[in-house]
Amino acid sequence: MKDTSVTGYLRQITNPNLRQQDIVKQPLLCSNCEALFSTYEDQFARNIFYPYVQKELDEWGVAQGEIRSINYGEWLLKFAVSLQWRALTTSTKINSSQQGNERMRNRFNDLFDAALFNWGEYLLGKSDISG
């Protein structure tokens, strides 16, 4: 992200005027799972992100219409699911102050847990269904 940013620095939504060298990192995975996710991230970077930034965007960051198609495989779905898994893992469930209806809150939290489980099984190769 820093390599392709305009300034070479990162900024957070909570304090956009403060430049940062890096973003907050929260360990979520064991080293084996991190290595597995890393393969999807690497394929995304090599096949989509860097080609798009290098070939498609001009110096102002405006798309030029050069790239007409992108070759991809199941790794792209696994990359997307891994992002969803990380985002949901670091989210909080709906609590009573956010959702007054206890039945709805419980239903949402059950779906939350099911999504994490199903995505985890898919990413680990234990299921062919991404959810």
Foldseek 3Di string as FASTA:
>chain_A
DLVLDPVSFDADPVGRVDTHNDDDDDDDDDPVLVVLLVVLVVCCCVFPVVCCSPPQQDPVGDGDPPDDDTDDDCSPVLNVLVVVLVVLVPDDQDDCVRPVDPVVSVVRVVVSVVLNVLCVCCSVVNDVDND
